[in-house]
Amino acid sequence: MEKKTITTSLAPAPIGPYNQAIASGSMLFISGQICINPATGELVNADIKEETHQVMKNLRAILHEAGMNFMNVVKTTIFLTDMNRFAEVNEVYAQHLDQDMNGDRNGYPARETVQVSALPKFVNVEISMIAVK
C-alpha cells in the first residue's frame, strides 16, 4: 500500500503524532480539523459559526493541496460538544460545501454528527473528511 503525506502551511500543523492528511491511491483521509488559524496558531472561536468557518477553511486548504475540493468529499464526521448547536454548524458547513456543489445536493457527502464530552484545546467543533479523486 502506497501512502503519501499531504501537508500545507495553509492549515494548522498537527498538535500530536498524526498528519493533516494521508493520500492512498485515489483516497484522501483528512484528520479532524479544529478552528486554529494556521497563520497565527490562535483559536478562531468568538462564536460557533466563526469556529466552524475556520474549520472548513482548514479542510478546504488540505483538499486544495491534494488537488481536490469539497465535490471530492464522500464522507464527513462532525464532532460537537453541544448537539444544541447543530443547526448553526450545519448552516456554515452547507455554505462551504455549496461553493463547490453548484447547488447540486446530490454532491453532498455521507455524514454523521456526534456529540462528545470534549475536543482538543476545548473547542466546540471538529470535522474530519474522506475524499476520492
Foldseek 3Di string as FASTA:
>chain_A
DDKDAQDDLQAAADPDPDGQWIDDAQKIWGPKGWQQGSVPRDGQPPDVLRGLLSRQSNVQRRQVSVVHGLLQWAEKEKEFQDCVCVVSNVVSVCVRSCVVCVPDPVSHHHYDYYYDNADPVRHGMIMITMGGD
